[in-house]
PDB file of N, CA and C in Angstrom:
ATOM      1  N   UNK A   1       0.318  -1.120  -0.054  1.00  0.00           N
ATOM      2  CA  UNK A   1      -0.027  -0.075  -0.135  1.00  0.00           C
ATOM      3  C   UNK A   1       0.284   1.336  -0.394  1.00  0.00           C
ATOM      4  N   UNK A   2       1.979   1.467  -0.510  1.00  0.00           N
ATOM      5  CA  UNK A   2       2.659   2.401  -0.514  1.00  0.00           C
ATOM      6  C   UNK A   2       2.840   2.777  -1.724  1.00  0.00           C
ATOM      7  N   UNK A   3       1.308   2.654  -2.868  1.00  0.00           N
ATOM      8  CA  UNK A   3       1.710   3.303  -3.454  1.00  0.00           C
ATOM      9  C   UNK A   3       1.011   5.004  -3.331  1.00  0.00           C
ATOM     10  N   UNK A   4       1.089   6.179  -4.141  1.00  0.00           N
ATOM     11  CA  UNK A   4       0.708   7.086  -4.597  1.00  0.00           C
ATOM     12  C   UNK A   4      -0.112   7.287  -5.972  1.00  0.00           C
ATOM     13  N   UNK A   5      -1.963   7.610  -5.611  1.00  0.00           N
ATOM     14  CA  UNK A   5      -2.578   8.381  -7.252  1.00  0.00           C
ATOM     15  C   UNK A   5      -2.260  10.294  -6.265  1.00  0.00           C
ATOM     16  N   UNK A   6      -2.820  10.467  -7.409  1.00  0.00           N
ATOM     17  CA  UNK A   6      -3.193  12.448  -7.692  1.00  0.00           C
ATOM     18  C   UNK A   6      -5.237  12.290  -8.891  1.00  0.00           C
ATOM     19  N   UNK A   7      -4.922  13.343  -7.753  1.00  0.00           N
ATOM     20  CA  UNK A   7      -6.198  13.882  -8.691  1.00  0.00           C
ATOM     21  C   UNK A   7      -6.464  13.684  -9.665  1.00  0.00           C
ATOM     22  N   UNK A   8      -7.042  13.008 -11.085  1.00  0.00           N
ATOM     23  CA  UNK A   8      -7.213  14.336 -12.654  1.00  0.00           C
ATOM     24  C   UNK A   8      -7.692  15.888 -11.903  1.00  0.00           C
ATOM     25  N   UNK A   9      -6.784  16.670 -12.812  1.00  0.00           N
ATOM     26  CA  UNK A   9      -6.952  17.458 -13.527  1.00  0.00           C
ATOM     27  C   UNK A   9      -8.383  18.360 -13.716  1.00  0.00           C
ATOM     28  N   UNK A  10      -8.763  17.653 -14.431  1.00  0.00           N
ATOM     29  CA  UNK A  10     -10.519  17.711 -15.271  1.00  0.00           C
ATOM     30  C   UNK A  10     -11.314  17.174 -13.973  1.00  0.00           C
ATOM     31  N   UNK A  11     -10.931  18.077 -12.503  1.00  0.00           N
ATOM     32  CA  UNK A  11     -11.875  17.158 -11.934  1.00  0.00           C
ATOM     33  C   UNK A  11     -13.200  18.275 -10.511  1.00  0.00           C
ATOM     34  N   UNK A  12     -13.132  18.431 -10.697  1.00  0.00           N
ATOM     35  CA  UNK A  12     -13.912  19.991  -9.729  1.00  0.00           C
ATOM     36  C   UNK A  12     -14.447  19.346  -8.225  1.00  0.00           C
ATOM     37  N   UNK A  13     -14.224  19.525  -7.519  1.00  0.00           N
ATOM     38  CA  UNK A  13     -14.636  19.323  -5.517  1.00  0.00           C
ATOM     39  C   UNK A  13     -15.811  20.138  -5.536  1.00  0.00           C
ATOM     40  N   UNK A  14     -16.935  20.121  -4.952  1.00  0.00           N
ATOM     41  CA  UNK A  14     -17.571  21.205  -4.313  1.00  0.00           C
ATOM     42  C   UNK A  14     -18.464  20.879  -3.350  1.00  0.00           C
ATOM     43  N   UNK A  15     -18.506  21.614  -2.611  1.00  0.00           N
ATOM     44  CA  UNK A  15     -18.892  21.318  -1.470  1.00  0.00           C
ATOM     45  C   UNK A  15     -20.858  22.130  -0.899  1.00  0.00           C
ATOM     46  N   UNK A  16     -21.232  21.443  -0.889  1.00  0.00           N
ATOM     47  CA  UNK A  16     -22.741  21.909  -1.110  1.00  0.00           C
ATOM     48  C   UNK A  16     -23.036  20.869  -0.321  1.00  0.00           C
ATOM     49  N   UNK A  17     -24.181  22.241   0.468  1.00  0.00           N
ATOM     50  CA  UNK A  17     -25.234  21.175   1.275  1.00  0.00           C
ATOM     51  C   UNK A  17     -24.740  20.824   2.938  1.00  0.00           C
ATOM     52  N   UNK A  18     -22.921  20.564   2.177  1.00  0.00           N
ATOM     53  CA  UNK A  18     -22.411  19.257   3.851  1.00  0.00           C
ATOM     54  C   UNK A  18     -21.871  18.055   2.542  1.00  0.00           C
ATOM     55  N   UNK A  19     -22.106  18.844   1.610  1.00  0.00           N
ATOM     56  CA  UNK A  19     -22.317  17.468   1.045  1.00  0.00           C
ATOM     57  C   UNK A  19     -20.730  17.299  -0.099  1.00  0.00           C
ATOM     58  N   UNK A  20     -20.060  16.844  -0.717  1.00  0.00           N
ATOM     59  CA  UNK A  20     -19.136  16.719  -1.028  1.00  0.00           C
ATOM     60  C   UNK A  20     -19.283  16.337  -2.577  1.00  0.00           C
ATOM     61  N   UNK A  21     -18.395  17.193  -3.594  1.00  0.00           N
ATOM     62  CA  UNK A  21     -19.012  16.600  -4.879  1.00  0.00           C
ATOM     63  C   UNK A  21     -17.747  16.399  -6.030  1.00  0.00           C
ATOM     64  N   UNK A  22     -17.863  14.976  -6.749  1.00  0.00           N
ATOM     65  CA  UNK A  22     -16.743  15.555  -7.655  1.00  0.00           C
ATOM     66  C   UNK A  22     -17.841  15.479  -8.824  1.00  0.00           C
ATOM     67  N   UNK A  23     -17.392  17.549  -9.434  1.00  0.00           N
ATOM     68  CA  UNK A  23     -17.436  16.914 -10.481  1.00  0.00           C
ATOM     69  C   UNK A  23     -17.081  16.858 -12.061  1.00  0.00           C
ATOM     70  N   UNK A  24     -16.295  15.464 -13.102  1.00  0.00           N
ATOM     71  CA  UNK A  24     -15.909  15.454 -14.267  1.00  0.00           C
ATOM     72  C   UNK A  24     -16.242  16.751 -14.799  1.00  0.00           C
ATOM     73  N   UNK A  25     -14.926  17.087 -15.705  1.00  0.00           N
ATOM     74  CA  UNK A  25     -14.668  18.208 -16.692  1.00  0.00           C
ATOM     75  C   UNK A  25     -14.406  17.476 -17.831  1.00  0.00           C
ATOM     76  N   UNK A  26     -15.402  17.625 -19.200  1.00  0.00           N
ATOM     77  CA  UNK A  26     -14.654  16.903 -20.401  1.00  0.00           C
ATOM     78  C   UNK A  26     -15.022  18.843 -21.471  1.00  0.00           C
ATOM     79  N   UNK A  27     -13.645  18.423 -21.616  1.00  0.00           N
ATOM     80  CA  UNK A  27     -13.674  20.287 -22.702  1.00  0.00           C
ATOM     81  C   UNK A  27     -13.860  21.204 -21.412  1.00  0.00           C
ATOM     82  N   UNK A  28     -14.678  21.799 -21.761  1.00  0.00           N
ATOM     83  CA  UNK A  28     -14.462  22.921 -21.399  1.00  0.00           C
ATOM     84  C   UNK A  28     -15.903  23.655 -20.039  1.00  0.00           C
ATOM     85  N   UNK A  29     -16.479  21.809 -19.840  1.00  0.00           N
ATOM     86  CA  UNK A  29     -18.214  22.423 -19.667  1.00  0.00           C
ATOM     87  C   UNK A  29     -18.306  20.395 -18.507  1.00  0.00           C
ATOM     88  N   UNK A  30     -18.791  20.934 -17.886  1.00  0.00           N
ATOM     89  CA  UNK A  30     -18.838  20.620 -16.820  1.00  0.00           C
ATOM     90  C   UNK A  30     -19.641  18.923 -16.871  1.00  0.00           C
ATOM     91  N   UNK A  31     -19.256  17.980 -17.262  1.00  0.00           N
ATOM     92  CA  UNK A  31     -20.464  16.784 -16.848  1.00  0.00           C
ATOM     93  C   UNK A  31     -21.677  16.083 -16.465  1.00  0.00           C
ATOM     94  N   UNK A  32     -21.946  16.906 -15.911  1.00  0.00           N
ATOM     95  CA  UNK A  32     -23.246  16.721 -15.035  1.00  0.00           C
ATOM     96  C   UNK A  32     -24.605  15.522 -14.750  1.00  0.00           C
ATOM     97  N   UNK A  33     -23.877  14.531 -16.166  1.00  0.00           N
ATOM     98  CA  UNK A  33     -24.122  13.314 -15.974  1.00  0.00           C
ATOM     99  C   UNK A  33     -23.395  12.234 -15.133  1.00  0.00           C
ATOM    100  N   UNK A  34     -22.474  12.872 -14.810  1.00  0.00           N
ATOM    101  CA  UNK A  34     -20.986  11.642 -13.756  1.00  0.00           C
ATOM    102  C   UNK A  34     -20.584  12.513 -12.257  1.00  0.00           C
ATOM    103  N   UNK A  35     -21.953  12.935 -11.919  1.00  0.00           N
ATOM    104  CA  UNK A  35     -21.497  13.695 -10.230  1.00  0.00           C
ATOM    105  C   UNK A  35     -21.395  12.299  -9.607  1.00  0.00           C
ATOM    106  N   UNK A  36     -19.845  12.485  -8.738  1.00  0.00           N
ATOM    107  CA  UNK A  36     -20.077  11.360  -7.799  1.00  0.00           C
ATOM    108  C   UNK A  36     -20.235  12.538  -6.570  1.00  0.00           C
ATOM    109  N   UNK A  37     -20.899  11.803  -5.200  1.00  0.00           N
ATOM    110  CA  UNK A  37     -21.276  12.430  -4.290  1.00  0.00           C
ATOM    111  C   UNK A  37     -20.791  11.738  -3.056  1.00  0.00           C
ATOM    112  N   UNK A  38     -19.548  11.485  -2.167  1.00  0.00           N
ATOM    113  CA  UNK A  38     -18.404  11.409  -0.895  1.00  0.00           C
ATOM    114  C   UNK A  38     -19.357  11.143  -0.381  1.00  0.00           C
ATOM    115  N   UNK A  39     -18.885  10.255   0.524  1.00  0.00           N
ATOM    116  CA  UNK A  39     -19.502   9.931   2.272  1.00  0.00           C
ATOM    117  C   UNK A  39     -17.865  10.719   3.136  1.00  0.00           C
ATOM    118  N   UNK A  40     -18.527  11.101   4.463  1.00  0.00           N
ATOM    119  CA  UNK A  40     -16.891  11.446   4.960  1.00  0.00           C
ATOM    120  C   UNK A  40     -15.865  10.718   4.983  1.00  0.00           C
ATOM    121  N   UNK A  41     -15.973   9.441   4.496  1.00  0.00           N
ATOM    122  CA  UNK A  41     -14.989   9.262   4.200  1.00  0.00           C
ATOM    123  C   UNK A  41     -14.164   9.120   2.919  1.00  0.00           C
ATOM    124  N   UNK A  42     -14.958   8.843   2.309  1.00  0.00           N
ATOM    125  CA  UNK A  42     -14.365   8.908   0.584  1.00  0.00           C
ATOM    126  C   UNK A  42     -13.650  10.596  -0.003  1.00  0.00           C
ATOM    127  N   UNK A  43     -14.133  11.060   1.261  1.00  0.00           N
ATOM    128  CA  UNK A  43     -14.154  12.949   0.999  1.00  0.00           C
ATOM    129  C   UNK A  43     -12.881  13.193   1.536  1.00  0.00           C
ATOM    130  N   UNK A  44     -12.298  12.368   3.151  1.00  0.00           N
ATOM    131  CA  UNK A  44     -11.017  12.213   3.551  1.00  0.00           C
ATOM    132  C   UNK A  44     -10.106  11.769   2.743  1.00  0.00           C
ATOM    133  N   UNK A  45     -10.057  10.526   2.267  1.00  0.00           N
ATOM    134  CA  UNK A  45      -8.942   9.663   0.547  1.00  0.00           C
ATOM    135  C   UNK A  45      -8.983  10.725   0.224  1.00  0.00           C
ATOM    136  N   UNK A  46     -10.183  11.896  -0.719  1.00  0.00           N
ATOM    137  CA  UNK A  46     -10.281  11.855  -2.120  1.00  0.00           C
ATOM    138  C   UNK A  46      -8.914  13.492  -1.544  1.00  0.00           C
ATOM    139  N   UNK A  47      -9.413  14.280  -0.679  1.00  0.00           N
ATOM    140  CA  UNK A  47      -8.953  15.318  -0.501  1.00  0.00           C
ATOM    141  C   UNK A  47      -7.391  14.687   0.287  1.00  0.00           C
ATOM    142  N   UNK A  48      -6.677  13.839   0.540  1.00  0.00           N
ATOM    143  CA  UNK A  48      -5.747  13.145   0.764  1.00  0.00           C
ATOM    144  C   UNK A  48      -4.310  12.762  -0.583  1.00  0.00           C
ATOM    145  N   UNK A  49      -5.416  12.129  -1.814  1.00  0.00           N
ATOM    146  CA  UNK A  49      -4.534  12.193  -3.174  1.00  0.00           C
ATOM    147  C   UNK A  49      -4.404  13.267  -3.777  1.00  0.00           C
ATOM    148  N   UNK A  50      -2.668  13.512  -3.275  1.00  0.00           N
ATOM    149  CA  UNK A  50      -2.391  14.790  -3.524  1.00  0.00           C
ATOM    150  C   UNK A  50      -0.958  14.095  -4.611  1.00  0.00           C
ATOM    151  N   UNK A  51      -0.869  13.320  -4.832  1.00  0.00           N
ATOM    152  CA  UNK A  51       0.383  13.643  -5.695  1.00  0.00           C
ATOM    153  C   UNK A  51       1.807  12.992  -4.318  1.00  0.00           C
ATOM    154  N   UNK A  52       1.408  12.853  -2.817  1.00  0.00           N
ATOM    155  CA  UNK A  52       2.045  13.641  -2.147  1.00  0.00           C
ATOM    156  C   UNK A  52       2.064  11.534  -1.508  1.00  0.00           C
ATOM    157  N   UNK A  53       1.411  11.473  -1.298  1.00  0.00           N
ATOM    158  CA  UNK A  53       1.202  10.967  -0.125  1.00  0.00           C
ATOM    159  C   UNK A  53       0.965   8.858  -0.080  1.00  0.00           C
ATOM    160  N   UNK A  54       1.124   8.454   0.615  1.00  0.00           N
ATOM    161  CA  UNK A  54       0.617   7.189  -0.355  1.00  0.00           C
ATOM    162  C   UNK A  54      -0.039   6.408   0.607  1.00  0.00           C
ATOM    163  N   UNK A  55      -0.190   5.903   0.020  1.00  0.00           N
ATOM    164  CA  UNK A  55      -1.813   4.652   0.717  1.00  0.00           C
ATOM    165  C   UNK A  55      -2.005   3.958   2.260  1.00  0.00           C
ATOM    166  N   UNK A  56      -0.795   3.613   2.244  1.00  0.00           N
ATOM    167  CA  UNK A  56      -0.277   3.486   4.038  1.00  0.00           C
ATOM    168  C   UNK A  56      -0.867   4.442   4.542  1.00  0.00           C
ATOM    169  N   UNK A  57      -0.374   5.523   4.445  1.00  0.00           N
ATOM    170  CA  UNK A  57      -0.536   6.656   5.142  1.00  0.00           C
ATOM    171  C   UNK A  57      -2.113   7.259   5.562  1.00  0.00           C
ATOM    172  N   UNK A  58      -2.628   7.596   3.762  1.00  0.00           N
ATOM    173  CA  UNK A  58      -4.206   8.119   3.657  1.00  0.00           C
ATOM    174  C   UNK A  58      -4.423   6.692   4.724  1.00  0.00           C
ATOM    175  N   UNK A  59      -4.488   5.644   4.497  1.00  0.00           N
ATOM    176  CA  UNK A  59      -5.123   3.801   5.533  1.00  0.00           C
ATOM    177  C   UNK A  59      -5.323   4.076   6.822  1.00  0.00           C
ATOM    178  N   UNK A  60      -4.228   4.560   7.106  1.00  0.00           N
ATOM    179  CA  UNK A  60      -3.999   5.482   8.932  1.00  0.00           C
ATOM    180  C   UNK A  60      -4.382   6.792   9.441  1.00  0.00           C
ATOM    181  N   UNK A  61      -4.377   7.035   8.056  1.00  0.00           N
ATOM    182  CA  UNK A  61      -4.978   8.571   8.722  1.00  0.00           C
ATOM    183  C   UNK A  61      -6.959   8.672   9.788  1.00  0.00           C
ATOM    184  N   UNK A  62      -7.413   7.485   8.209  1.00  0.00           N
ATOM    185  CA  UNK A  62      -8.719   7.200   8.105  1.00  0.00           C
ATOM    186  C   UNK A  62      -8.549   6.862   9.565  1.00  0.00           C
ATOM    187  N   UNK A  63      -8.046   4.997   9.942  1.00  0.00           N
ATOM    188  CA  UNK A  63      -8.308   4.766  10.410  1.00  0.00           C
ATOM    189  C   UNK A  63      -8.074   5.655  12.894  1.00  0.00           C
ATOM    190  N   UNK A  64      -7.310   6.702  12.321  1.00  0.00           N
ATOM    191  CA  UNK A  64      -6.970   7.226  12.946  1.00  0.00           C
ATOM    192  C   UNK A  64      -8.362   8.614  13.573  1.00  0.00           C
ATOM    193  N   UNK A  65      -8.592   8.832  12.182  1.00  0.00           N
ATOM    194  CA  UNK A  65      -9.804   9.907  11.941  1.00  0.00           C
ATOM    195  C   UNK A  65     -11.264   9.098  12.152  1.00  0.00           C
ATOM    196  N   UNK A  66     -11.345   7.920  11.876  1.00  0.00           N
ATOM    197  CA  UNK A  66     -13.355   7.787  12.209  1.00  0.00           C
ATOM    198  C   UNK A  66     -13.063   6.016  13.327  1.00  0.00           C
ATOM    199  N   UNK A  67     -12.137   6.126  13.854  1.00  0.00           N
ATOM    200  CA  UNK A  67     -12.166   5.043  14.741  1.00  0.00           C
ATOM    201  C   UNK A  67     -12.492   3.951  13.975  1.00  0.00           C
ATOM    202  N   UNK A  68     -11.512   2.806  12.661  1.00  0.00           N
ATOM    203  CA  UNK A  68     -11.353   2.094  11.736  1.00  0.00           C
ATOM    204  C   UNK A  68     -10.951   1.552  12.138  1.00  0.00           C
ATOM    205  N   UNK A  69     -11.165  -0.572  11.922  1.00  0.00           N
ATOM    206  CA  UNK A  69      -9.984  -1.825  12.269  1.00  0.00           C
ATOM    207  C   UNK A  69      -9.533  -1.298  10.452  1.00  0.00           C
ATOM    208  N   UNK A  70      -7.691  -0.856  11.260  1.00  0.00           N
ATOM    209  CA  UNK A  70      -7.148  -1.422   9.970  1.00  0.00           C
ATOM    210  C   UNK A  70      -7.447  -2.135   8.525  1.00  0.00           C
ATOM    211  N   UNK A  71      -7.634  -3.510   9.008  1.00  0.00           N
ATOM    212  CA  UNK A  71      -8.156  -3.769   7.623  1.00  0.00           C
ATOM    213  C   UNK A  71      -9.384  -3.414   6.831  1.00  0.00           C
ATOM    214  N   UNK A  72     -10.293  -3.374   7.728  1.00  0.00           N
ATOM    215  CA  UNK A  72     -11.371  -2.890   6.566  1.00  0.00           C
ATOM    216  C   UNK A  72     -11.016  -1.366   6.202  1.00  0.00           C
ATOM    217  N   UNK A  73     -10.494  -0.297   6.713  1.00  0.00           N
ATOM    218  CA  UNK A  73      -9.964   0.622   6.301  1.00  0.00           C
ATOM    219  C   UNK A  73      -8.756   0.540   5.030  1.00  0.00           C
ATOM    220  N   UNK A  74      -8.057  -0.396   5.427  1.00  0.00           N
ATOM    221  CA  UNK A  74      -7.356  -0.442   4.247  1.00  0.00           C
ATOM    222  C   UNK A  74      -8.821  -1.276   2.751  1.00  0.00           C
ATOM    223  N   UNK A  75      -9.842  -2.448   2.969  1.00  0.00           N
ATOM    224  CA  UNK A  75      -9.909  -2.389   2.000  1.00  0.00           C
ATOM    225  C   UNK A  75     -11.154  -1.838   1.219  1.00  0.00           C
ATOM    226  N   UNK A  76     -11.502  -0.982   2.319  1.00  0.00           N
ATOM    227  CA  UNK A  76     -12.445   1.014   1.755  1.00  0.00           C
ATOM    228  C   UNK A  76     -11.372   1.307   1.405  1.00  0.00           C
ATOM    229  N   UNK A  77     -10.380   1.564   1.191  1.00  0.00           N
ATOM    230  CA  UNK A  77      -9.385   2.397   0.382  1.00  0.00           C
ATOM    231  C   UNK A  77      -8.976   1.873  -0.651  1.00  0.00           C
ATOM    232  N   UNK A  78      -8.723   0.719  -0.689  1.00  0.00           N
ATOM    233  CA  UNK A  78      -8.671  -0.078  -2.225  1.00  0.00           C
ATOM    234  C   UNK A  78      -8.977  -0.069  -2.749  1.00  0.00           C
ATOM    235  N   UNK A  79     -11.129  -0.489  -2.814  1.00  0.00           N
ATOM    236  CA  UNK A  79     -11.698  -1.025  -3.301  1.00  0.00           C
ATOM    237  C   UNK A  79     -13.072   1.052  -3.820  1.00  0.00           C
ATOM    238  N   UNK A  80     -12.177   2.080  -2.738  1.00  0.00           N
ATOM    239  CA  UNK A  80     -12.932   3.496  -3.569  1.00  0.00           C
ATOM    240  C   UNK A  80     -11.913   4.186  -4.580  1.00  0.00           C
ATOM    241  N   UNK A  81      -9.729   3.192  -4.407  1.00  0.00           N
ATOM    242  CA  UNK A  81      -9.209   3.718  -5.458  1.00  0.00           C
ATOM    243  C   UNK A  81      -9.275   3.038  -6.343  1.00  0.00           C
ATOM    244  N   UNK A  82     -10.038   1.865  -6.782  1.00  0.00           N
ATOM    245  CA  UNK A  82     -10.403   1.136  -7.625  1.00  0.00           C
ATOM    246  C   UNK A  82     -11.278   1.574  -8.863  1.00  0.00           C
ATOM    247  N   UNK A  83     -12.707   2.508  -7.921  1.00  0.00           N
ATOM    248  CA  UNK A  83     -13.967   2.698  -8.692  1.00  0.00           C
ATOM    249  C   UNK A  83     -13.584   4.208  -8.940  1.00  0.00           C
ATOM    250  N   UNK A  84     -12.656   5.427  -8.095  1.00  0.00           N
ATOM    251  CA  UNK A  84     -11.173   6.448  -8.870  1.00  0.00           C
ATOM    252  C   UNK A  84     -11.218   5.561 -10.022  1.00  0.00           C
ATOM    253  N   UNK A  85     -10.547   4.797  -9.589  1.00  0.00           N
ATOM    254  CA  UNK A  85      -9.170   4.311 -11.173  1.00  0.00           C
ATOM    255  C   UNK A  85     -10.252   4.533 -12.951  1.00  0.00           C
ATOM    256  N   UNK A  86     -11.624   3.404 -12.082  1.00  0.00           N
ATOM    257  CA  UNK A  86     -11.684   3.300 -13.473  1.00  0.00           C
ATOM    258  C   UNK A  86     -12.768   3.935 -13.918  1.00  0.00           C
ATOM    259  N   UNK A  87     -12.807   5.045 -13.208  1.00  0.00           N
ATOM    260  CA  UNK A  87     -13.643   6.090 -13.332  1.00  0.00           C
ATOM    261  C   UNK A  87     -13.141   6.933 -14.845  1.00  0.00           C
ATOM    262  N   UNK A  88     -11.537   7.085 -14.429  1.00  0.00           N
ATOM    263  CA  UNK A  88     -10.636   7.954 -15.286  1.00  0.00           C
ATOM    264  C   UNK A  88     -10.578   9.118 -13.776  1.00  0.00           C
ATOM    265  N   UNK A  89     -10.834   9.202 -12.811  1.00  0.00           N
ATOM    266  CA  UNK A  89     -10.383  10.085 -11.693  1.00  0.00           C
ATOM    267  C   UNK A  89      -9.799  10.713 -11.075  1.00  0.00           C
ATOM    268  N   UNK A  90      -9.015   9.710 -11.018  1.00  0.00           N
ATOM    269  CA  UNK A  90      -7.250   9.593 -10.719  1.00  0.00           C
ATOM    270  C   UNK A  90      -5.553   8.418 -11.633  1.00  0.00           C
ATOM    271  N   UNK A  91      -4.208   8.398 -10.938  1.00  0.00           N
ATOM    272  CA  UNK A  91      -3.912   8.376 -12.202  1.00  0.00           C
ATOM    273  C   UNK A  91      -3.242   7.973 -10.705  1.00  0.00           C
ATOM    274  N   UNK A  92      -2.012   7.215 -11.292  1.00  0.00           N
ATOM    275  CA  UNK A  92      -1.044   5.800 -10.385  1.00  0.00           C
ATOM    276  C   UNK A  92       0.386   7.208 -10.363  1.00  0.00           C
ATOM    277  N   UNK A  93       1.159   8.151  -9.299  1.00  0.00           N
ATOM    278  CA  UNK A  93       2.513   8.668  -9.810  1.00  0.00           C
ATOM    279  C   UNK A  93       3.203   6.961  -8.894  1.00  0.00           C
ATOM    280  N   UNK A  94       3.708   7.099 -10.525  1.00  0.00           N
ATOM    281  CA  UNK A  94       4.916   5.831 -10.320  1.00  0.00           C
ATOM    282  C   UNK A  94       6.477   6.667 -10.024  1.00  0.00           C
ATOM    283  N   UNK A  95       6.956   6.181  -8.993  1.00  0.00           N
ATOM    284  CA  UNK A  95       8.821   6.544  -8.652  1.00  0.00           C
ATOM    285  C   UNK A  95       9.934   7.478  -9.306  1.00  0.00           C
TER     286      UNK A  95
END
């Protein structure tokens, strides 16, 4: 879990009424057909996908912030990262 990921530049993050939304941008236009609403844990992870923080540190932060079992935090983080990758919202940073 030492991989490092970076959010795609073509994704806008907005907080509306306490909810965090990801809005993909295609060309110069927001693609409103593919909004992603994040729960608090997912939003916490998303904010840390800065291209410098390893996944292991993100998992540790999730455990500390949300009092989650490390195994569960690792599984949930991995599943969320897979979803982001398959939606082209994230890229892996090569060392």
